[in-house]
Protein backbone atom coordinates (compact mmCIF):
# COMPACT_ATOMS: atom_id res chain seq x y z
CA MET A 1 -5.13 -15.35 1.04
CA GLN A 2 -2.73 -16.03 3.91
CA VAL A 3 -1.41 -13.25 6.13
CA GLU A 4 1.38 -13.53 8.68
CA ASN A 5 2.45 -10.89 11.17
CA ILE A 6 6.24 -10.82 10.71
CA GLY A 7 6.60 -7.67 12.81
CA SER A 8 7.25 -7.21 16.50
CA ASP A 9 3.90 -5.56 17.35
CA PRO A 10 0.27 -6.71 17.13
CA GLY A 11 -1.62 -5.63 14.03
CA GLU A 12 -5.01 -5.93 12.37
CA VAL A 13 -5.94 -7.37 8.99
CA PHE A 14 -8.77 -5.77 7.05
CA ALA A 15 -9.99 -7.66 3.99
CA THR A 16 -11.43 -4.42 2.60
CA ASN A 17 -7.89 -3.01 2.34
CA GLN A 18 -7.04 -5.56 -0.37
CA TYR A 19 -7.74 -4.04 -3.78
CA LEU A 20 -8.47 -5.58 -7.17
CA PHE A 21 -7.94 -3.50 -10.32
CA ASP A 22 -9.42 -4.01 -13.75
CA THR A 23 -7.80 -3.35 -17.12
CA SER A 24 -9.11 0.25 -17.00
CA ASN A 25 -7.28 0.72 -13.68
CA ARG A 26 -10.52 0.98 -11.70
CA LYS A 27 -10.08 -0.06 -8.05
CA PHE A 28 -12.48 -2.45 -6.29
CA GLU A 29 -12.58 -3.08 -2.54
CA ALA A 30 -13.28 -6.54 -1.20
CA ASP A 31 -16.83 -7.24 -0.07
CA SER A 32 -16.67 -7.22 3.73
CA SER A 33 -19.99 -9.06 4.02
CA SER A 34 -18.61 -12.00 2.02
CA THR A 35 -15.19 -12.39 3.60
CA ASP A 36 -14.43 -14.77 6.42
CA ALA A 37 -11.43 -14.92 8.76
CA LEU A 38 -9.69 -11.94 7.15
CA PHE A 39 -12.27 -9.32 8.06
CA PHE A 40 -10.88 -7.39 11.03
CA GLN A 41 -8.55 -10.04 12.42
CA GLN A 42 -6.10 -9.16 15.22
CA LEU A 43 -2.71 -10.87 14.80
CA ASN A 44 0.08 -10.97 17.34
CA PRO A 45 3.69 -11.30 16.15
CA GLY A 46 4.27 -14.68 14.51
CA GLN A 47 0.57 -15.47 14.05
CA LYS A 48 -0.92 -16.41 10.66
CA VAL A 49 -4.47 -16.39 9.36
CA SER A 50 -5.93 -17.68 6.09
CA GLY A 51 -9.22 -16.82 4.52
CA LYS A 52 -11.15 -15.99 1.40
CA VAL A 53 -11.38 -12.49 -0.01
CA ILE A 54 -14.26 -11.85 -2.40
CA TRP A 55 -14.78 -8.92 -4.71
CA ARG A 56 -18.13 -8.17 -6.31
CA VAL A 57 -17.49 -6.91 -9.83
CA PRO A 58 -19.66 -6.00 -12.83
CA GLY A 59 -20.33 -8.34 -15.74
CA GLY A 60 -17.56 -8.35 -18.33
CA PHE A 61 -14.99 -7.51 -15.64
CA GLU A 62 -11.42 -8.09 -16.78
CA PRO A 63 -9.03 -8.39 -13.81
CA ASP A 64 -5.58 -6.89 -14.17
CA HIS A 65 -3.81 -6.95 -10.80
CA LEU A 66 -4.17 -7.12 -7.01
CA GLU A 67 -2.83 -4.55 -4.59
CA PRO A 68 -2.39 -6.31 -1.22
CA HIS A 69 -1.81 -4.27 1.92
CA ASP A 70 -0.07 -5.34 5.08
CA LEU A 71 -1.20 -5.17 8.67
CA CYS A 72 -2.52 -1.97 10.19
CA LEU A 73 -0.44 -1.39 13.31
């Protein structure tokens, strides 16, 4: 995932605020212990960061959609 601060104020990225939903509409938070650069990253205006976001899901999991969230200002 790549995140860019397109605003005019600094903000923070939290990988755990990126949600994955299954076909039963159950919501899963990202695993903060398995994420890299996107876990609590401070971004100033114009800065970008890329990193992996990992979700731990049960066997037989059928992904449906992601719900990404922007910076926390």
